[in-house]
Amino acid sequence: MSGGIFNSSGICVAVVRGSEIFDLTGKKLYDVKGVNIYRPSGELVGHLSDARGTEKHLDRSTDRLFPAAHPRGKAGRDT
């Protein structure tokens, strides 16, 4: 599996290469198995809404896994 991961606003926030998810700078963030997203520790943290095709889309509840891509910054709050 490979391709981009897009948040609920349609912005590319990460890339899937094989069974790993990387941020846009190339840092490994998560592992992916099917539609499930796991931390490197093995903890299940979220799901992709659709694992078919090269574009993977997140629902709003899973957007929190990629806070650096949040339009208002890392914490998701106005500063």
PDB file of N, CA and C in Angstrom:
ATOM      1  N   MET A   1       0.850  -1.158   0.000  1.00  0.00           N
ATOM      2  CA  MET A   1       0.000   0.000   0.000  1.00  0.00           C
ATOM      3  C   MET A   1       0.903   1.232   0.000  1.00  0.00           C
ATOM      4  N   SER A   2       0.583   2.188  -0.835  1.00  0.00           N
ATOM      5  CA  SER A   2       1.312   3.455  -0.825  1.00  0.00           C
ATOM      6  C   SER A   2       0.404   4.552  -1.346  1.00  0.00           C
ATOM      7  N   GLY A   3       0.712   5.775  -0.970  1.00  0.00           N
ATOM      8  CA  GLY A   3      -0.074   6.918  -1.405  1.00  0.00           C
ATOM      9  C   GLY A   3      -0.202   7.948  -0.309  1.00  0.00           C
ATOM     10  N   GLY A   4      -0.991   8.976  -0.587  1.00  0.00           N
ATOM     11  CA  GLY A   4      -1.165  10.069   0.354  1.00  0.00           C
ATOM     12  C   GLY A   4      -2.304   9.833   1.316  1.00  0.00           C
ATOM     13  N   ILE A   5      -2.202  10.456   2.490  1.00  0.00           N
ATOM     14  CA  ILE A   5      -3.290  10.477   3.465  1.00  0.00           C
ATOM     15  C   ILE A   5      -3.769  11.916   3.548  1.00  0.00           C
ATOM     16  N   PHE A   6      -5.074  12.097   3.400  1.00  0.00           N
ATOM     17  CA  PHE A   6      -5.680  13.419   3.364  1.00  0.00           C
ATOM     18  C   PHE A   6      -6.604  13.587   4.560  1.00  0.00           C
ATOM     19  N   ASN A   7      -6.543  14.767   5.189  1.00  0.00           N
ATOM     20  CA  ASN A   7      -7.429  15.016   6.328  1.00  0.00           C
ATOM     21  C   ASN A   7      -8.843  15.305   5.834  1.00  0.00           C
ATOM     22  N   SER A   8      -9.744  15.571   6.767  1.00  0.00           N
ATOM     23  CA  SER A   8     -11.146  15.783   6.401  1.00  0.00           C
ATOM     24  C   SER A   8     -11.357  17.048   5.583  1.00  0.00           C
ATOM     25  N   SER A   9     -10.341  17.927   5.539  1.00  0.00           N
ATOM     26  CA  SER A   9     -10.416  19.137   4.712  1.00  0.00           C
ATOM     27  C   SER A   9      -9.809  18.930   3.329  1.00  0.00           C
ATOM     28  N   GLY A  10      -9.301  17.719   3.065  1.00  0.00           N
ATOM     29  CA  GLY A  10      -8.719  17.422   1.765  1.00  0.00           C
ATOM     30  C   GLY A  10      -7.256  17.796   1.624  1.00  0.00           C
ATOM     31  N   ILE A  11      -6.584  18.116   2.737  1.00  0.00           N
ATOM     32  CA  ILE A  11      -5.175  18.504   2.718  1.00  0.00           C
ATOM     33  C   ILE A  11      -4.318  17.269   2.971  1.00  0.00           C
ATOM     34  N   CYS A  12      -3.287  17.068   2.142  1.00  0.00           N
ATOM     35  CA  CYS A  12      -2.377  15.941   2.330  1.00  0.00           C
ATOM     36  C   CYS A  12      -1.581  16.161   3.616  1.00  0.00           C
ATOM     37  N   VAL A  13      -1.676  15.205   4.554  1.00  0.00           N
ATOM     38  CA  VAL A  13      -1.021  15.344   5.853  1.00  0.00           C
ATOM     39  C   VAL A  13       0.039  14.285   6.112  1.00  0.00           C
ATOM     40  N   ALA A  14       0.065  13.229   5.298  1.00  0.00           N
ATOM     41  CA  ALA A  14       1.018  12.144   5.519  1.00  0.00           C
ATOM     42  C   ALA A  14       1.099  11.280   4.269  1.00  0.00           C
ATOM     43  N   VAL A  15       2.053  10.348   4.298  1.00  0.00           N
ATOM     44  CA  VAL A  15       2.272   9.438   3.177  1.00  0.00           C
ATOM     45  C   VAL A  15       2.364   8.017   3.721  1.00  0.00           C
ATOM     46  N   VAL A  16       1.722   7.080   3.024  1.00  0.00           N
ATOM     47  CA  VAL A  16       1.832   5.665   3.367  1.00  0.00           C
ATOM     48  C   VAL A  16       2.844   5.036   2.428  1.00  0.00           C
ATOM     49  N   ARG A  17       3.820   4.349   3.006  1.00  0.00           N
ATOM     50  CA  ARG A  17       4.776   3.557   2.222  1.00  0.00           C
ATOM     51  C   ARG A  17       4.795   2.166   2.825  1.00  0.00           C
ATOM     52  N   GLY A  18       4.303   1.194   2.075  1.00  0.00           N
ATOM     53  CA  GLY A  18       4.204  -0.164   2.614  1.00  0.00           C
ATOM     54  C   GLY A  18       3.223  -0.184   3.762  1.00  0.00           C
ATOM     55  N   SER A  19       3.680  -0.625   4.924  1.00  0.00           N
ATOM     56  CA  SER A  19       2.806  -0.695   6.100  1.00  0.00           C
ATOM     57  C   SER A  19       3.141   0.389   7.120  1.00  0.00           C
ATOM     58  N   GLU A  20       3.775   1.481   6.658  1.00  0.00           N
ATOM     59  CA  GLU A  20       4.172   2.563   7.559  1.00  0.00           C
ATOM     60  C   GLU A  20       3.620   3.903   7.080  1.00  0.00           C
ATOM     61  N   ILE A  21       3.320   4.779   8.033  1.00  0.00           N
ATOM     62  CA  ILE A  21       2.840   6.128   7.738  1.00  0.00           C
ATOM     63  C   ILE A  21       3.920   7.116   8.161  1.00  0.00           C
ATOM     64  N   PHE A  22       4.257   8.032   7.254  1.00  0.00           N
ATOM     65  CA  PHE A  22       5.276   9.048   7.494  1.00  0.00           C
ATOM     66  C   PHE A  22       4.657  10.430   7.372  1.00  0.00           C
ATOM     67  N   ASP A  23       5.174  11.395   8.154  1.00  0.00           N
ATOM     68  CA  ASP A  23       4.724  12.769   7.958  1.00  0.00           C
ATOM     69  C   ASP A  23       5.355  13.304   6.676  1.00  0.00           C
ATOM     70  N   LEU A  24       5.047  14.533   6.330  1.00  0.00           N
ATOM     71  CA  LEU A  24       5.509  15.084   5.052  1.00  0.00           C
ATOM     72  C   LEU A  24       6.999  15.388   5.040  1.00  0.00           C
ATOM     73  N   THR A  25       7.650  15.321   6.202  1.00  0.00           N
ATOM     74  CA  THR A  25       9.106  15.505   6.253  1.00  0.00           C
ATOM     75  C   THR A  25       9.847  14.175   6.194  1.00  0.00           C
ATOM     76  N   GLY A  26       9.106  13.061   6.212  1.00  0.00           N
ATOM     77  CA  GLY A  26       9.719  11.738   6.137  1.00  0.00           C
ATOM     78  C   GLY A  26       9.881  11.028   7.465  1.00  0.00           C
ATOM     79  N   LYS A  27       9.409  11.628   8.555  1.00  0.00           N
ATOM     80  CA  LYS A  27       9.501  11.008   9.882  1.00  0.00           C
ATOM     81  C   LYS A  27       8.401   9.964  10.041  1.00  0.00           C
ATOM     82  N   LYS A  28       8.784   8.752  10.483  1.00  0.00           N
ATOM     83  CA  LYS A  28       7.788   7.701  10.693  1.00  0.00           C
ATOM     84  C   LYS A  28       6.895   8.058  11.870  1.00  0.00           C
ATOM     85  N   LEU A  29       5.583   7.955  11.644  1.00  0.00           N
ATOM     86  CA  LEU A  29       4.614   8.261  12.689  1.00  0.00           C
ATOM     87  C   LEU A  29       3.889   7.023  13.197  1.00  0.00           C
ATOM     88  N   TYR A  30       3.383   6.205  12.272  1.00  0.00           N
ATOM     89  CA  TYR A  30       2.501   5.106  12.624  1.00  0.00           C
ATOM     90  C   TYR A  30       2.743   3.911  11.712  1.00  0.00           C
ATOM     91  N   ASP A  31       2.174   2.779  12.123  1.00  0.00           N
ATOM     92  CA  ASP A  31       2.081   1.592  11.284  1.00  0.00           C
ATOM     93  C   ASP A  31       0.629   1.470  10.854  1.00  0.00           C
ATOM     94  N   VAL A  32       0.411   0.866   9.705  1.00  0.00           N
ATOM     95  CA  VAL A  32      -0.957   0.665   9.236  1.00  0.00           C
ATOM     96  C   VAL A  32      -1.128  -0.793   8.832  1.00  0.00           C
ATOM     97  N   LYS A  33      -2.250  -1.367   9.277  1.00  0.00           N
ATOM     98  CA  LYS A  33      -2.601  -2.743   8.926  1.00  0.00           C
ATOM     99  C   LYS A  33      -4.054  -2.721   8.497  1.00  0.00           C
ATOM    100  N   GLY A  34      -4.292  -2.926   7.211  1.00  0.00           N
ATOM    101  CA  GLY A  34      -5.650  -2.793   6.695  1.00  0.00           C
ATOM    102  C   GLY A  34      -6.092  -1.351   6.821  1.00  0.00           C
ATOM    103  N   VAL A  35      -7.185  -1.103   7.539  1.00  0.00           N
ATOM    104  CA  VAL A  35      -7.657   0.265   7.762  1.00  0.00           C
ATOM    105  C   VAL A  35      -7.283   0.781   9.148  1.00  0.00           C
ATOM    106  N   ASN A  36      -6.579  -0.027   9.938  1.00  0.00           N
ATOM    107  CA  ASN A  36      -6.223   0.345  11.308  1.00  0.00           C
ATOM    108  C   ASN A  36      -4.875   1.051  11.366  1.00  0.00           C
ATOM    109  N   ILE A  37      -4.796   2.114  12.176  1.00  0.00           N
ATOM    110  CA  ILE A  37      -3.567   2.880  12.376  1.00  0.00           C
ATOM    111  C   ILE A  37      -3.069   2.602  13.793  1.00  0.00           C
ATOM    112  N   TYR A  38      -1.785   2.214  13.898  1.00  0.00           N
ATOM    113  CA  TYR A  38      -1.174   1.861  15.180  1.00  0.00           C
ATOM    114  C   TYR A  38       0.049   2.717  15.458  1.00  0.00           C
ATOM    115  N   ARG A  39       0.280   3.036  16.730  1.00  0.00           N
ATOM    116  CA  ARG A  39       1.554   3.640  17.145  1.00  0.00           C
ATOM    117  C   ARG A  39       2.625   2.562  17.001  1.00  0.00           C
ATOM    118  N   PRO A  40       3.901   2.952  16.925  1.00  0.00           N
ATOM    119  CA  PRO A  40       4.964   1.938  16.873  1.00  0.00           C
ATOM    120  C   PRO A  40       4.929   0.978  18.071  1.00  0.00           C
ATOM    121  N   SER A  41       4.339   1.401  19.190  1.00  0.00           N
ATOM    122  CA  SER A  41       4.211   0.540  20.376  1.00  0.00           C
ATOM    123  C   SER A  41       3.170  -0.556  20.190  1.00  0.00           C
ATOM    124  N   GLY A  42       2.355  -0.446  19.131  1.00  0.00           N
ATOM    125  CA  GLY A  42       1.310  -1.429  18.875  1.00  0.00           C
ATOM    126  C   GLY A  42      -0.075  -0.979  19.289  1.00  0.00           C
ATOM    127  N   GLU A  43      -0.190   0.196  19.904  1.00  0.00           N
ATOM    128  CA  GLU A  43      -1.483   0.715  20.352  1.00  0.00           C
ATOM    129  C   GLU A  43      -2.313   1.186  19.157  1.00  0.00           C
ATOM    130  N   LEU A  44      -3.546   0.690  19.062  1.00  0.00           N
ATOM    131  CA  LEU A  44      -4.471   1.126  18.020  1.00  0.00           C
ATOM    132  C   LEU A  44      -4.897   2.555  18.312  1.00  0.00           C
ATOM    133  N   VAL A  45      -4.721   3.462  17.331  1.00  0.00           N
ATOM    134  CA  VAL A  45      -5.045   4.870  17.570  1.00  0.00           C
ATOM    135  C   VAL A  45      -6.073   5.438  16.606  1.00  0.00           C
ATOM    136  N   GLY A  46      -6.387   4.743  15.527  1.00  0.00           N
ATOM    137  CA  GLY A  46      -7.352   5.292  14.588  1.00  0.00           C
ATOM    138  C   GLY A  46      -7.579   4.382  13.402  1.00  0.00           C
ATOM    139  N   HIS A  47      -8.368   4.893  12.462  1.00  0.00           N
ATOM    140  CA  HIS A  47      -8.741   4.127  11.277  1.00  0.00           C
ATOM    141  C   HIS A  47      -8.731   5.035  10.059  1.00  0.00           C
ATOM    142  N   LEU A  48      -8.396   4.453   8.928  1.00  0.00           N
ATOM    143  CA  LEU A  48      -8.583   5.139   7.654  1.00  0.00           C
ATOM    144  C   LEU A  48     -10.010   4.866   7.216  1.00  0.00           C
ATOM    145  N   SER A  49     -10.654   5.836   6.611  1.00  0.00           N
ATOM    146  CA  SER A  49     -12.043   5.639   6.209  1.00  0.00           C
ATOM    147  C   SER A  49     -12.166   4.708   5.015  1.00  0.00           C
ATOM    148  N   ASP A  50     -11.113   4.604   4.197  1.00  0.00           N
ATOM    149  CA  ASP A  50     -11.146   3.729   3.028  1.00  0.00           C
ATOM    150  C   ASP A  50      -9.717   3.366   2.668  1.00  0.00           C
ATOM    151  N   ALA A  51      -9.389   2.083   2.659  1.00  0.00           N
ATOM    152  CA  ALA A  51      -8.013   1.647   2.388  1.00  0.00           C
ATOM    153  C   ALA A  51      -7.787   1.330   0.916  1.00  0.00           C
ATOM    154  N   ARG A  52      -8.790   1.439   0.083  1.00  0.00           N
ATOM    155  CA  ARG A  52      -8.617   1.135  -1.335  1.00  0.00           C
ATOM    156  C   ARG A  52      -8.052   2.333  -2.074  1.00  0.00           C
ATOM    157  N   GLY A  53      -7.289   2.072  -3.123  1.00  0.00           N
ATOM    158  CA  GLY A  53      -6.731   3.144  -3.937  1.00  0.00           C
ATOM    159  C   GLY A  53      -5.499   3.755  -3.304  1.00  0.00           C
ATOM    160  N   THR A  54      -4.949   4.775  -3.956  1.00  0.00           N
ATOM    161  CA  THR A  54      -3.722   5.387  -3.459  1.00  0.00           C
ATOM    162  C   THR A  54      -3.993   6.554  -2.524  1.00  0.00           C
ATOM    163  N   GLU A  55      -5.182   7.117  -2.545  1.00  0.00           N
ATOM    164  CA  GLU A  55      -5.530   8.220  -1.645  1.00  0.00           C
ATOM    165  C   GLU A  55      -6.317   7.670  -0.470  1.00  0.00           C
ATOM    166  N   LYS A  56      -5.829   7.937   0.740  1.00  0.00           N
ATOM    167  CA  LYS A  56      -6.503   7.520   1.963  1.00  0.00           C
ATOM    168  C   LYS A  56      -7.068   8.767   2.620  1.00  0.00           C
ATOM    169  N   HIS A  57      -8.301   8.695   3.064  1.00  0.00           N
ATOM    170  CA  HIS A  57      -8.943   9.861   3.664  1.00  0.00           C
ATOM    171  C   HIS A  57      -9.257   9.606   5.130  1.00  0.00           C
ATOM    172  N   LEU A  58      -9.055  10.632   5.945  1.00  0.00           N
ATOM    173  CA  LEU A  58      -9.329  10.572   7.374  1.00  0.00           C
ATOM    174  C   LEU A  58     -10.684  11.193   7.663  1.00  0.00           C
ATOM    175  N   ASP A  59     -11.369  10.661   8.674  1.00  0.00           N
ATOM    176  CA  ASP A  59     -12.559  11.367   9.137  1.00  0.00           C
ATOM    177  C   ASP A  59     -12.110  12.374  10.196  1.00  0.00           C
ATOM    178  N   ARG A  60     -13.011  13.245  10.617  1.00  0.00           N
ATOM    179  CA  ARG A  60     -12.625  14.317  11.548  1.00  0.00           C
ATOM    180  C   ARG A  60     -12.025  13.787  12.843  1.00  0.00           C
ATOM    181  N   SER A  61     -12.539  12.688  13.351  1.00  0.00           N
ATOM    182  CA  SER A  61     -12.025  12.166  14.623  1.00  0.00           C
ATOM    183  C   SER A  61     -10.589  11.668  14.497  1.00  0.00           C
ATOM    184  N   THR A  62     -10.161  11.291  13.303  1.00  0.00           N
ATOM    185  CA  THR A  62      -8.799  10.802  13.094  1.00  0.00           C
ATOM    186  C   THR A  62      -7.854  11.928  12.694  1.00  0.00           C
ATOM    187  N   ASP A  63      -8.370  13.090  12.330  1.00  0.00           N
ATOM    188  CA  ASP A  63      -7.522  14.253  12.013  1.00  0.00           C
ATOM    189  C   ASP A  63      -6.549  14.562  13.151  1.00  0.00           C
ATOM    190  N   ARG A  64      -6.947  14.299  14.392  1.00  0.00           N
ATOM    191  CA  ARG A  64      -6.120  14.623  15.558  1.00  0.00           C
ATOM    192  C   ARG A  64      -4.785  13.890  15.551  1.00  0.00           C
ATOM    193  N   LEU A  65      -4.661  12.810  14.771  1.00  0.00           N
ATOM    194  CA  LEU A  65      -3.404  12.063  14.707  1.00  0.00           C
ATOM    195  C   LEU A  65      -2.315  12.828  13.967  1.00  0.00           C
ATOM    196  N   PHE A  66      -2.706  13.874  13.241  1.00  0.00           N
ATOM    197  CA  PHE A  66      -1.766  14.651  12.441  1.00  0.00           C
ATOM    198  C   PHE A  66      -1.883  16.128  12.804  1.00  0.00           C
ATOM    199  N   PRO A  67      -1.584  16.504  14.057  1.00  0.00           N
ATOM    200  CA  PRO A  67      -1.826  17.869  14.536  1.00  0.00           C
ATOM    201  C   PRO A  67      -0.995  18.932  13.849  1.00  0.00           C
ATOM    202  N   ALA A  68       0.191  18.611  13.341  1.00  0.00           N
ATOM    203  CA  ALA A  68       1.028  19.617  12.681  1.00  0.00           C
ATOM    204  C   ALA A  68       0.359  20.140  11.422  1.00  0.00           C
ATOM    205  N   ALA A  69      -0.547  19.371  10.866  1.00  0.00           N
ATOM    206  CA  ALA A  69      -1.240  19.785   9.651  1.00  0.00           C
ATOM    207  C   ALA A  69      -2.513  20.563   9.956  1.00  0.00           C
ATOM    208  N   HIS A  70      -2.850  20.691  11.247  1.00  0.00           N
ATOM    209  CA  HIS A  70      -4.055  21.425  11.632  1.00  0.00           C
ATOM    210  C   HIS A  70      -3.884  22.885  11.232  1.00  0.00           C
ATOM    211  N   PRO A  71      -4.900  23.494  10.611  1.00  0.00           N
ATOM    212  CA  PRO A  71      -4.759  24.862  10.116  1.00  0.00           C
ATOM    213  C   PRO A  71      -4.455  25.890  11.195  1.00  0.00           C
ATOM    214  N   ARG A  72      -4.749  25.589  12.475  1.00  0.00           N
ATOM    215  CA  ARG A  72      -4.483  26.550  13.546  1.00  0.00           C
ATOM    216  C   ARG A  72      -3.266  26.160  14.376  1.00  0.00           C
ATOM    217  N   GLY A  73      -2.472  25.220  13.911  1.00  0.00           N
ATOM    218  CA  GLY A  73      -1.238  24.869  14.618  1.00  0.00           C
ATOM    219  C   GLY A  73      -1.323  23.549  15.344  1.00  0.00           C
ATOM    220  N   LYS A  74      -0.250  23.205  16.036  1.00  0.00           N
ATOM    221  CA  LYS A  74      -0.121  21.896  16.658  1.00  0.00           C
ATOM    222  C   LYS A  74      -1.184  21.601  17.694  1.00  0.00           C
ATOM    223  N   ALA A  75      -1.514  22.540  18.522  1.00  0.00           N
ATOM    224  CA  ALA A  75      -2.469  22.274  19.591  1.00  0.00           C
ATOM    225  C   ALA A  75      -3.907  22.362  19.114  1.00  0.00           C
ATOM    226  N   GLY A  76      -4.119  22.903  17.935  1.00  0.00           N
ATOM    227  CA  GLY A  76      -5.466  23.031  17.432  1.00  0.00           C
ATOM    228  C   GLY A  76      -6.249  24.133  18.105  1.00  0.00           C
ATOM    229  N   ARG A  77      -5.541  25.058  18.761  1.00  0.00           N
ATOM    230  CA  ARG A  77      -6.196  26.166  19.452  1.00  0.00           C
ATOM    231  C   ARG A  77      -5.636  27.476  18.921  1.00  0.00           C
ATOM    232  N   ASP A  78      -6.421  28.501  19.034  1.00  0.00           N
ATOM    233  CA  ASP A  78      -5.925  29.829  18.665  1.00  0.00           C
ATOM    234  C   ASP A  78      -4.938  30.286  19.727  1.00  0.00           C
ATOM    235  N   THR A  79      -3.847  30.918  19.298  1.00  0.00           N
ATOM    236  CA  THR A  79      -2.854  31.394  20.263  1.00  0.00           C
ATOM    237  C   THR A  79      -2.796  32.892  20.272  1.00  0.00           C
TER     238      THR A  79
END
